[in-house]
PDB file of all heavy atoms in Angstrom:
ATOM      1  N   GLN A   1      80.385 215.223  70.138  1.00  0.00           N
ATOM      2  CA  GLN A   1      79.451 215.378  71.254  1.00  0.00           C
ATOM      3  C   GLN A   1      78.278 216.255  70.848  1.00  0.00           C
ATOM      4  O   GLN A   1      77.118 215.906  71.086  1.00  0.00           O
ATOM      5  CB  GLN A   1      80.169 215.967  72.462  1.00  0.00           C
ATOM      6  CG  GLN A   1      79.259 216.161  73.660  1.00  0.00           C
ATOM      7  CD  GLN A   1      79.989 216.766  74.843  1.00  0.00           C
ATOM      8  OE1 GLN A   1      80.999 217.465  74.682  1.00  0.00           O
ATOM      9  NE2 GLN A   1      79.498 216.505  76.028  1.00  0.00           N
ATOM     10  N   ARG A   2      78.538 217.371  70.216  1.00  0.00           N
ATOM     11  CA  ARG A   2      77.467 218.290  69.816  1.00  0.00           C
ATOM     12  C   ARG A   2      76.518 217.660  68.800  1.00  0.00           C
ATOM     13  O   ARG A   2      75.298 217.792  68.902  1.00  0.00           O
ATOM     14  CB  ARG A   2      78.059 219.572  69.246  1.00  0.00           C
ATOM     15  CG  ARG A   2      78.677 220.456  70.283  1.00  0.00           C
ATOM     16  CD  ARG A   2      79.251 221.708  69.679  1.00  0.00           C
ATOM     17  NE  ARG A   2      79.902 222.515  70.699  1.00  0.00           N
ATOM     18  CZ  ARG A   2      80.782 223.438  70.452  1.00  0.00           C
ATOM     19  NH1 ARG A   2      81.140 223.705  69.204  1.00  0.00           N
ATOM     20  NH2 ARG A   2      81.331 224.121  71.436  1.00  0.00           N
ATOM     21  N   VAL A   3      77.078 216.970  67.824  1.00  0.00           N
ATOM     22  CA  VAL A   3      76.246 216.335  66.794  1.00  0.00           C
ATOM     23  C   VAL A   3      75.338 215.278  67.413  1.00  0.00           C
ATOM     24  O   VAL A   3      74.132 215.234  67.150  1.00  0.00           O
ATOM     25  CB  VAL A   3      77.121 215.713  65.678  1.00  0.00           C
ATOM     26  CG1 VAL A   3      76.303 214.804  64.778  1.00  0.00           C
ATOM     27  CG2 VAL A   3      77.808 216.797  64.867  1.00  0.00           C
ATOM     28  N   LEU A   4      75.910 214.432  68.262  1.00  0.00           N
ATOM     29  CA  LEU A   4      75.119 213.363  68.868  1.00  0.00           C
ATOM     30  C   LEU A   4      74.089 213.896  69.859  1.00  0.00           C
ATOM     31  O   LEU A   4      72.966 213.400  69.926  1.00  0.00           O
ATOM     32  CB  LEU A   4      76.041 212.339  69.522  1.00  0.00           C
ATOM     33  CG  LEU A   4      76.897 211.550  68.526  1.00  0.00           C
ATOM     34  CD1 LEU A   4      78.002 210.791  69.247  1.00  0.00           C
ATOM     35  CD2 LEU A   4      76.032 210.617  67.696  1.00  0.00           C
ATOM     36  N   GLN A   5      74.445 214.932  70.615  1.00  0.00           N
ATOM     37  CA  GLN A   5      73.479 215.541  71.531  1.00  0.00           C
ATOM     38  C   GLN A   5      72.339 216.196  70.765  1.00  0.00           C
ATOM     39  O   GLN A   5      71.185 216.145  71.202  1.00  0.00           O
ATOM     40  CB  GLN A   5      74.161 216.560  72.445  1.00  0.00           C
ATOM     41  CG  GLN A   5      74.978 215.917  73.533  1.00  0.00           C
ATOM     42  CD  GLN A   5      75.729 216.915  74.393  1.00  0.00           C
ATOM     43  OE1 GLN A   5      76.059 218.023  73.956  1.00  0.00           O
ATOM     44  NE2 GLN A   5      76.027 216.526  75.617  1.00  0.00           N
ATOM     45  N   SER A   6      72.636 216.777  69.618  1.00  0.00           N
ATOM     46  CA  SER A   6      71.579 217.413  68.821  1.00  0.00           C
ATOM     47  C   SER A   6      70.576 216.389  68.299  1.00  0.00           C
ATOM     48  O   SER A   6      69.449 216.738  67.961  1.00  0.00           O
ATOM     49  CB  SER A   6      72.183 218.205  67.650  1.00  0.00           C
ATOM     50  OG  SER A   6      72.644 217.332  66.634  1.00  0.00           O
ATOM     51  N   GLU A   7      70.978 215.125  68.260  1.00  0.00           N
ATOM     52  CA  GLU A   7      70.085 214.045  67.854  1.00  0.00           C
ATOM     53  C   GLU A   7      69.358 213.429  69.043  1.00  0.00           C
ATOM     54  O   GLU A   7      68.634 212.455  68.900  1.00  0.00           O
ATOM     55  CB  GLU A   7      70.873 212.964  67.106  1.00  0.00           C
ATOM     56  CG  GLU A   7      71.439 213.440  65.785  1.00  0.00           C
ATOM     57  CD  GLU A   7      70.363 213.785  64.764  1.00  0.00           C
ATOM     58  OE1 GLU A   7      69.335 213.080  64.711  1.00  0.00           O
ATOM     59  OE2 GLU A   7      70.544 214.793  64.041  1.00  0.00           O
ATOM     60  N   GLY A   8      69.567 213.994  70.237  1.00  0.00           N
ATOM     61  CA  GLY A   8      68.847 213.557  71.423  1.00  0.00           C
ATOM     62  C   GLY A   8      69.566 212.553  72.311  1.00  0.00           C
ATOM     63  O   GLY A   8      69.004 212.089  73.296  1.00  0.00           O
ATOM     64  N   HIS A   9      70.795 212.226  71.980  1.00  0.00           N
ATOM     65  CA  HIS A   9      71.545 211.265  72.784  1.00  0.00           C
ATOM     66  C   HIS A   9      72.155 211.934  74.012  1.00  0.00           C
ATOM     67  O   HIS A   9      72.471 213.125  73.989  1.00  0.00           O
ATOM     68  CB  HIS A   9      72.679 210.646  71.956  1.00  0.00           C
ATOM     69  CG  HIS A   9      72.200 209.907  70.755  1.00  0.00           C
ATOM     70  ND1 HIS A   9      71.598 208.671  70.822  1.00  0.00           N
ATOM     71  CD2 HIS A   9      72.216 210.247  69.440  1.00  0.00           C
ATOM     72  CE1 HIS A   9      71.282 208.276  69.610  1.00  0.00           C
ATOM     73  NE2 HIS A   9      71.636 209.223  68.748  1.00  0.00           N
ATOM     74  N   THR A  10      72.321 211.158  75.064  1.00  0.00           N
ATOM     75  CA  THR A  10      73.082 211.588  76.228  1.00  0.00           C
ATOM     76  C   THR A  10      74.531 211.230  75.941  1.00  0.00           C
ATOM     77  O   THR A  10      74.836 210.070  75.647  1.00  0.00           O
ATOM     78  CB  THR A  10      72.602 210.858  77.498  1.00  0.00           C
ATOM     79  OG1 THR A  10      71.217 211.144  77.690  1.00  0.00           O
ATOM     80  CG2 THR A  10      73.408 211.286  78.715  1.00  0.00           C
ATOM     81  N   VAL A  11      75.421 212.215  76.002  1.00  0.00           N
ATOM     82  CA  VAL A  11      76.809 211.989  75.593  1.00  0.00           C
ATOM     83  C   VAL A  11      77.767 212.437  76.689  1.00  0.00           C
ATOM     84  O   VAL A  11      77.692 213.569  77.157  1.00  0.00           O
ATOM     85  CB  VAL A  11      77.139 212.745  74.288  1.00  0.00           C
ATOM     86  CG1 VAL A  11      78.574 212.480  73.868  1.00  0.00           C
ATOM     87  CG2 VAL A  11      76.174 212.364  73.178  1.00  0.00           C
ATOM     88  N   LEU A  12      78.643 211.534  77.090  1.00  0.00           N
ATOM     89  CA  LEU A  12      79.743 211.862  77.985  1.00  0.00           C
ATOM     90  C   LEU A  12      81.023 211.719  77.183  1.00  0.00           C
ATOM     91  O   LEU A  12      81.062 210.964  76.205  1.00  0.00           O
ATOM     92  CB  LEU A  12      79.779 210.919  79.189  1.00  0.00           C
ATOM     93  CG  LEU A  12      78.824 211.284  80.334  1.00  0.00           C
ATOM     94  CD1 LEU A  12      77.399 210.983  79.954  1.00  0.00           C
ATOM     95  CD2 LEU A  12      79.219 210.555  81.577  1.00  0.00           C
ATOM     96  N   THR A  13      82.074 212.419  77.613  1.00  0.00           N
ATOM     97  CA  THR A  13      83.332 212.355  76.886  1.00  0.00           C
ATOM     98  C   THR A  13      84.492 212.062  77.828  1.00  0.00           C
ATOM     99  O   THR A  13      84.424 212.344  79.025  1.00  0.00           O
ATOM    100  CB  THR A  13      83.626 213.666  76.132  1.00  0.00           C
ATOM    101  OG1 THR A  13      83.798 214.726  77.069  1.00  0.00           O
ATOM    102  CG2 THR A  13      82.511 214.006  75.155  1.00  0.00           C
ATOM    103  N   ALA A  14      85.536 211.502  77.243  1.00  0.00           N
ATOM    104  CA  ALA A  14      86.783 211.257  77.955  1.00  0.00           C
ATOM    105  C   ALA A  14      87.927 211.656  77.032  1.00  0.00           C
ATOM    106  O   ALA A  14      87.871 211.408  75.825  1.00  0.00           O
ATOM    107  CB  ALA A  14      86.902 209.787  78.348  1.00  0.00           C
ATOM    108  N   ALA A  15      88.953 212.255  77.599  1.00  0.00           N
ATOM    109  CA  ALA A  15      90.068 212.781  76.815  1.00  0.00           C
ATOM    110  C   ALA A  15      91.146 211.739  76.512  1.00  0.00           C
ATOM    111  O   ALA A  15      92.030 211.988  75.702  1.00  0.00           O
ATOM    112  CB  ALA A  15      90.695 213.971  77.533  1.00  0.00           C
ATOM    113  N   ASP A  16      91.076 210.572  77.146  1.00  0.00           N
ATOM    114  CA  ASP A  16      92.050 209.518  76.865  1.00  0.00           C
ATOM    115  C   ASP A  16      91.491 208.178  77.335  1.00  0.00           C
ATOM    116  O   ASP A  16      90.428 208.114  77.944  1.00  0.00           O
ATOM    117  CB  ASP A  16      93.406 209.814  77.516  1.00  0.00           C
ATOM    118  CG  ASP A  16      93.338 209.982  79.019  1.00  0.00           C
ATOM    119  OD1 ASP A  16      92.578 209.254  79.685  1.00  0.00           O
ATOM    120  OD2 ASP A  16      94.061 210.846  79.548  1.00  0.00           O
ATOM    121  N   GLY A  17      92.223 207.117  77.036  1.00  0.00           N
ATOM    122  CA  GLY A  17      91.756 205.779  77.370  1.00  0.00           C
ATOM    123  C   GLY A  17      91.601 205.525  78.854  1.00  0.00           C
ATOM    124  O   GLY A  17      90.664 204.850  79.287  1.00  0.00           O
ATOM    125  N   GLU A  18      92.512 206.067  79.650  1.00  0.00           N
ATOM    126  CA  GLU A  18      92.411 205.883  81.106  1.00  0.00           C
ATOM    127  C   GLU A  18      91.124 206.492  81.642  1.00  0.00           C
ATOM    128  O   GLU A  18      90.407 205.868  82.427  1.00  0.00           O
ATOM    129  CB  GLU A  18      93.614 206.503  81.803  1.00  0.00           C
ATOM    130  CG  GLU A  18      94.904 205.772  81.563  1.00  0.00           C
ATOM    131  CD  GLU A  18      96.073 206.445  82.242  1.00  0.00           C
ATOM    132  OE1 GLU A  18      96.129 206.390  83.485  1.00  0.00           O
ATOM    133  OE2 GLU A  18      96.913 207.019  81.524  1.00  0.00           O
ATOM    134  N   GLU A  19      90.834 207.715  81.225  1.00  0.00           N
ATOM    135  CA  GLU A  19      89.610 208.383  81.665  1.00  0.00           C
ATOM    136  C   GLU A  19      88.387 207.629  81.145  1.00  0.00           C
ATOM    137  O   GLU A  19      87.388 207.486  81.844  1.00  0.00           O
ATOM    138  CB  GLU A  19      89.605 209.829  81.164  1.00  0.00           C
ATOM    139  CG  GLU A  19      88.423 210.631  81.641  1.00  0.00           C
ATOM    140  CD  GLU A  19      88.435 212.065  81.123  1.00  0.00           C
ATOM    141  OE1 GLU A  19      89.403 212.492  80.462  1.00  0.00           O
ATOM    142  OE2 GLU A  19      87.432 212.760  81.390  1.00  0.00           O
ATOM    143  N   GLY A  20      88.483 207.133  79.926  1.00  0.00           N
ATOM    144  CA  GLY A  20      87.375 206.368  79.357  1.00  0.00           C
ATOM    145  C   GLY A  20      87.058 205.118  80.160  1.00  0.00           C
ATOM    146  O   GLY A  20      85.901 204.821  80.440  1.00  0.00           O
ATOM    147  N   ILE A  21      88.088 204.392  80.559  1.00  0.00           N
ATOM    148  CA  ILE A  21      87.870 203.185  81.365  1.00  0.00           C
ATOM    149  C   ILE A  21      87.287 203.545  82.724  1.00  0.00           C
ATOM    150  O   ILE A  21      86.395 202.854  83.225  1.00  0.00           O
ATOM    151  CB  ILE A  21      89.170 202.362  81.484  1.00  0.00           C
ATOM    152  CG1 ILE A  21      89.468 201.706  80.125  1.00  0.00           C
ATOM    153  CG2 ILE A  21      89.068 201.315  82.589  1.00  0.00           C
ATOM    154  CD1 ILE A  21      90.779 200.971  80.047  1.00  0.00           C
ATOM    155  N   ARG A  22      87.727 204.646  83.318  1.00  0.00           N
ATOM    156  CA  ARG A  22      87.130 205.086  84.592  1.00  0.00           C
ATOM    157  C   ARG A  22      85.635 205.359  84.405  1.00  0.00           C
ATOM    158  O   ARG A  22      84.815 204.981  85.251  1.00  0.00           O
ATOM    159  CB  ARG A  22      87.839 206.321  85.134  1.00  0.00           C
ATOM    160  CG  ARG A  22      89.162 206.010  85.810  1.00  0.00           C
ATOM    161  CD  ARG A  22      89.694 207.175  86.639  1.00  0.00           C
ATOM    162  NE  ARG A  22      89.867 208.404  85.881  1.00  0.00           N
ATOM    163  CZ  ARG A  22      90.962 208.727  85.200  1.00  0.00           C
ATOM    164  NH1 ARG A  22      91.994 207.890  85.178  1.00  0.00           N
ATOM    165  NH2 ARG A  22      91.044 209.872  84.550  1.00  0.00           N
ATOM    166  N   CYS A  23      85.270 206.008  83.310  1.00  0.00           N
ATOM    167  CA  CYS A  23      83.853 206.268  83.025  1.00  0.00           C
ATOM    168  C   CYS A  23      83.081 204.959  82.900  1.00  0.00           C
ATOM    169  O   CYS A  23      81.971 204.824  83.419  1.00  0.00           O
ATOM    170  CB  CYS A  23      83.694 207.075  81.740  1.00  0.00           C
ATOM    171  SG  CYS A  23      84.228 208.783  81.832  1.00  0.00           S
ATOM    172  N   LEU A  24      83.663 203.993  82.188  1.00  0.00           N
ATOM    173  CA  LEU A  24      83.009 202.697  81.990  1.00  0.00           C
ATOM    174  C   LEU A  24      82.837 201.940  83.301  1.00  0.00           C
ATOM    175  O   LEU A  24      81.894 201.167  83.443  1.00  0.00           O
ATOM    176  CB  LEU A  24      83.823 201.850  81.011  1.00  0.00           C
ATOM    177  CG  LEU A  24      83.749 202.299  79.558  1.00  0.00           C
ATOM    178  CD1 LEU A  24      84.896 201.693  78.753  1.00  0.00           C
ATOM    179  CD2 LEU A  24      82.403 201.919  78.954  1.00  0.00           C
ATOM    180  N   GLU A  25      83.724 202.168  84.246  1.00  0.00           N
ATOM    181  CA  GLU A  25      83.622 201.508  85.546  1.00  0.00           C
ATOM    182  C   GLU A  25      82.566 202.161  86.437  1.00  0.00           C
ATOM    183  O   GLU A  25      82.062 201.533  87.359  1.00  0.00           O
ATOM    184  CB  GLU A  25      84.981 201.506  86.244  1.00  0.00           C
ATOM    185  CG  GLU A  25      85.980 200.581  85.556  1.00  0.00           C
ATOM    186  CD  GLU A  25      87.381 200.681  86.113  1.00  0.00           C
ATOM    187  OE1 GLU A  25      87.709 201.693  86.778  1.00  0.00           O
ATOM    188  OE2 GLU A  25      88.167 199.753  85.858  1.00  0.00           O
ATOM    189  N   GLN A  26      82.204 203.409  86.140  1.00  0.00           N
ATOM    190  CA  GLN A  26      81.254 204.144  86.970  1.00  0.00           C
ATOM    191  C   GLN A  26      79.844 204.149  86.405  1.00  0.00           C
ATOM    192  O   GLN A  26      78.874 204.289  87.149  1.00  0.00           O
ATOM    193  CB  GLN A  26      81.723 205.587  87.150  1.00  0.00           C
ATOM    194  CG  GLN A  26      83.016 205.688  87.914  1.00  0.00           C
ATOM    195  CD  GLN A  26      83.577 207.106  87.922  1.00  0.00           C
ATOM    196  OE1 GLN A  26      82.998 208.024  87.376  1.00  0.00           O
ATOM    197  NE2 GLN A  26      84.737 207.269  88.532  1.00  0.00           N
ATOM    198  N   GLU A  27      79.710 204.030  85.084  1.00  0.00           N
ATOM    199  CA  GLU A  27      78.402 204.135  84.440  1.00  0.00           C
ATOM    200  C   GLU A  27      78.296 203.132  83.307  1.00  0.00           C
ATOM    201  O   GLU A  27      79.300 202.637  82.818  1.00  0.00           O
ATOM    202  CB  GLU A  27      78.201 205.547  83.869  1.00  0.00           C
ATOM    203  CG  GLU A  27      78.263 206.642  84.905  1.00  0.00           C
ATOM    204  CD  GLU A  27      77.905 207.988  84.332  1.00  0.00           C
ATOM    205  OE1 GLU A  27      76.907 208.066  83.595  1.00  0.00           O
ATOM    206  OE2 GLU A  27      78.629 208.949  84.615  1.00  0.00           O
ATOM    207  N   SER A  28      77.055 202.869  82.882  1.00  0.00           N
ATOM    208  CA  SER A  28      76.859 201.994  81.731  1.00  0.00           C
ATOM    209  C   SER A  28      76.518 202.847  80.510  1.00  0.00           C
ATOM    210  O   SER A  28      75.925 203.927  80.627  1.00  0.00           O
ATOM    211  CB  SER A  28      75.754 200.981  82.012  1.00  0.00           C
ATOM    212  OG  SER A  28      74.527 201.640  82.230  1.00  0.00           O
ATOM    213  N   PHE A  29      76.902 202.352  79.349  1.00  0.00           N
ATOM    214  CA  PHE A  29      76.691 203.056  78.091  1.00  0.00           C
ATOM    215  C   PHE A  29      76.130 202.093  77.056  1.00  0.00           C
ATOM    216  O   PHE A  29      76.434 200.895  77.080  1.00  0.00           O
ATOM    217  CB  PHE A  29      78.016 203.640  77.577  1.00  0.00           C
ATOM    218  CG  PHE A  29      78.596 204.675  78.481  1.00  0.00           C
ATOM    219  CD1 PHE A  29      79.472 204.327  79.496  1.00  0.00           C
ATOM    220  CD2 PHE A  29      78.243 206.011  78.347  1.00  0.00           C
ATOM    221  CE1 PHE A  29      79.996 205.274  80.350  1.00  0.00           C
ATOM    222  CE2 PHE A  29      78.764 206.974  79.194  1.00  0.00           C
ATOM    223  CZ  PHE A  29      79.639 206.602  80.198  1.00  0.00           C
ATOM    224  N   ASP A  30      75.332 202.643  76.150  1.00  0.00           N
ATOM    225  CA  ASP A  30      74.817 201.845  75.042  1.00  0.00           C
ATOM    226  C   ASP A  30      75.860 201.702  73.942  1.00  0.00           C
ATOM    227  O   ASP A  30      75.908 200.690  73.244  1.00  0.00           O
ATOM    228  CB  ASP A  30      73.561 202.499  74.458  1.00  0.00           C
ATOM    229  CG  ASP A  30      72.460 202.622  75.490  1.00  0.00           C
ATOM    230  OD1 ASP A  30      72.095 201.588  76.078  1.00  0.00           O
ATOM    231  OD2 ASP A  30      71.981 203.749  75.722  1.00  0.00           O
ATOM    232  N   LEU A  31      76.681 202.734  73.787  1.00  0.00           N
ATOM    233  CA  LEU A  31      77.649 202.782  72.698  1.00  0.00           C
ATOM    234  C   LEU A  31      78.894 203.527  73.158  1.00  0.00           C
ATOM    235  O   LEU A  31      78.794 204.527  73.872  1.00  0.00           O
ATOM    236  CB  LEU A  31      77.033 203.516  71.500  1.00  0.00           C
ATOM    237  CG  LEU A  31      77.920 203.779  70.287  1.00  0.00           C
ATOM    238  CD1 LEU A  31      78.245 202.474  69.574  1.00  0.00           C
ATOM    239  CD2 LEU A  31      77.242 204.751  69.339  1.00  0.00           C
ATOM    240  N   VAL A  32      80.057 203.043  72.723  1.00  0.00           N
ATOM    241  CA  VAL A  32      81.324 203.737  72.967  1.00  0.00           C
ATOM    242  C   VAL A  32      81.972 203.997  71.614  1.00  0.00           C
ATOM    243  O   VAL A  32      82.104 203.089  70.792  1.00  0.00           O
ATOM    244  CB  VAL A  32      82.272 202.908  73.852  1.00  0.00           C
ATOM    245  CG1 VAL A  32      83.625 203.595  73.975  1.00  0.00           C
ATOM    246  CG2 VAL A  32      81.667 202.688  75.236  1.00  0.00           C
ATOM    247  N   ILE A  33      82.342 205.242  71.387  1.00  0.00           N
ATOM    248  CA  ILE A  33      83.103 205.627  70.203  1.00  0.00           C
ATOM    249  C   ILE A  33      84.491 205.999  70.703  1.00  0.00           C
ATOM    250  O   ILE A  33      84.623 206.917  71.509  1.00  0.00           O
ATOM    251  CB  ILE A  33      82.454 206.828  69.481  1.00  0.00           C
ATOM    252  CG1 ILE A  33      81.036 206.478  69.041  1.00  0.00           C
ATOM    253  CG2 ILE A  33      83.322 207.270  68.304  1.00  0.00           C
ATOM    254  CD1 ILE A  33      80.238 207.671  68.524  1.00  0.00           C
ATOM    255  N   THR A  34      85.499 205.269  70.239  1.00  0.00           N
ATOM    256  CA  THR A  34      86.843 205.512  70.757  1.00  0.00           C
ATOM    257  C   THR A  34      87.876 205.681  69.647  1.00  0.00           C
ATOM    258  O   THR A  34      87.797 205.022  68.610  1.00  0.00           O
ATOM    259  CB  THR A  34      87.293 204.378  71.708  1.00  0.00           C
ATOM    260  OG1 THR A  34      88.557 204.717  72.281  1.00  0.00           O
ATOM    261  CG2 THR A  34      87.384 203.036  71.012  1.00  0.00           C
ATOM    262  N   ASP A  35      88.799 206.575  69.904  1.00  0.00           N
ATOM    263  CA  ASP A  35      89.992 206.702  69.083  1.00  0.00           C
ATOM    264  C   ASP A  35      90.820 205.438  69.332  1.00  0.00           C
ATOM    265  O   ASP A  35      90.720 204.825  70.392  1.00  0.00           O
ATOM    266  CB  ASP A  35      90.755 207.964  69.524  1.00  0.00           C
ATOM    267  CG  ASP A  35      91.910 208.324  68.618  1.00  0.00           C
ATOM    268  OD1 ASP A  35      92.182 207.583  67.660  1.00  0.00           O
ATOM    269  OD2 ASP A  35      92.547 209.360  68.875  1.00  0.00           O
ATOM    270  N   ILE A  36      91.617 205.048  68.386  1.00  0.00           N
ATOM    271  CA  ILE A  36      92.472 203.877  68.565  1.00  0.00           C
ATOM    272  C   ILE A  36      93.850 204.285  69.078  1.00  0.00           C
ATOM    273  O   ILE A  36      94.350 203.737  70.050  1.00  0.00           O
ATOM    274  CB  ILE A  36      92.610 203.086  67.239  1.00  0.00           C
ATOM    275  CG1 ILE A  36      91.252 202.539  66.808  1.00  0.00           C
ATOM    276  CG2 ILE A  36      93.628 201.961  67.366  1.00  0.00           C
ATOM    277  CD1 ILE A  36      90.628 201.558  67.768  1.00  0.00           C
ATOM    278  N   MET A  37      94.455 205.258  68.448  1.00  0.00           N
ATOM    279  CA  MET A  37      95.815 205.666  68.789  1.00  0.00           C
ATOM    280  C   MET A  37      95.778 206.798  69.818  1.00  0.00           C
ATOM    281  O   MET A  37      95.525 207.949  69.478  1.00  0.00           O
ATOM    282  CB  MET A  37      96.564 206.130  67.537  1.00  0.00           C
ATOM    283  CG  MET A  37      96.611 205.095  66.433  1.00  0.00           C
ATOM    284  SD  MET A  37      97.390 203.555  66.928  1.00  0.00           S
ATOM    285  CE  MET A  37      99.082 204.070  66.989  1.00  0.00           C
ATOM    286  N   MET A  38      95.986 206.432  71.067  1.00  0.00           N
ATOM    287  CA  MET A  38      96.037 207.414  72.155  1.00  0.00           C
ATOM    288  C   MET A  38      97.287 207.135  72.972  1.00  0.00           C
ATOM    289  O   MET A  38      98.116 206.338  72.566  1.00  0.00           O
ATOM    290  CB  MET A  38      94.779 207.320  73.013  1.00  0.00           C
ATOM    291  CG  MET A  38      93.508 207.725  72.272  1.00  0.00           C
ATOM    292  SD  MET A  38      92.028 207.699  73.305  1.00  0.00           S
ATOM    293  CE  MET A  38      91.687 205.942  73.377  1.00  0.00           C
ATOM    294  N   GLY A  39      97.410 207.762  74.111  1.00  0.00           N
ATOM    295  CA  GLY A  39      98.596 207.632  74.952  1.00  0.00           C
ATOM    296  C   GLY A  39      98.795 206.236  75.509  1.00  0.00           C
ATOM    297  O   GLY A  39      98.789 205.245  74.780  1.00  0.00           O
ATOM    298  N   ALA A  40      98.949 206.144  76.804  1.00  0.00           N
ATOM    299  CA  ALA A  40      99.287 204.888  77.480  1.00  0.00           C
ATOM    300  C   ALA A  40      98.213 203.819  77.318  1.00  0.00           C
ATOM    301  O   ALA A  40      98.516 202.632  77.244  1.00  0.00           O
ATOM    302  CB  ALA A  40      99.538 205.156  78.958  1.00  0.00           C
TER     303      ALA A  40
END
């Protein structure tokens, strides 16, 4: 988040896949960077 924000990007974060999908349902994003191995 810090590295990408320092380059001028707007960055939101999610701590797991469920939270990430909730974010995607509420807002649009140009790019998603996701971990593969997470919880449920």
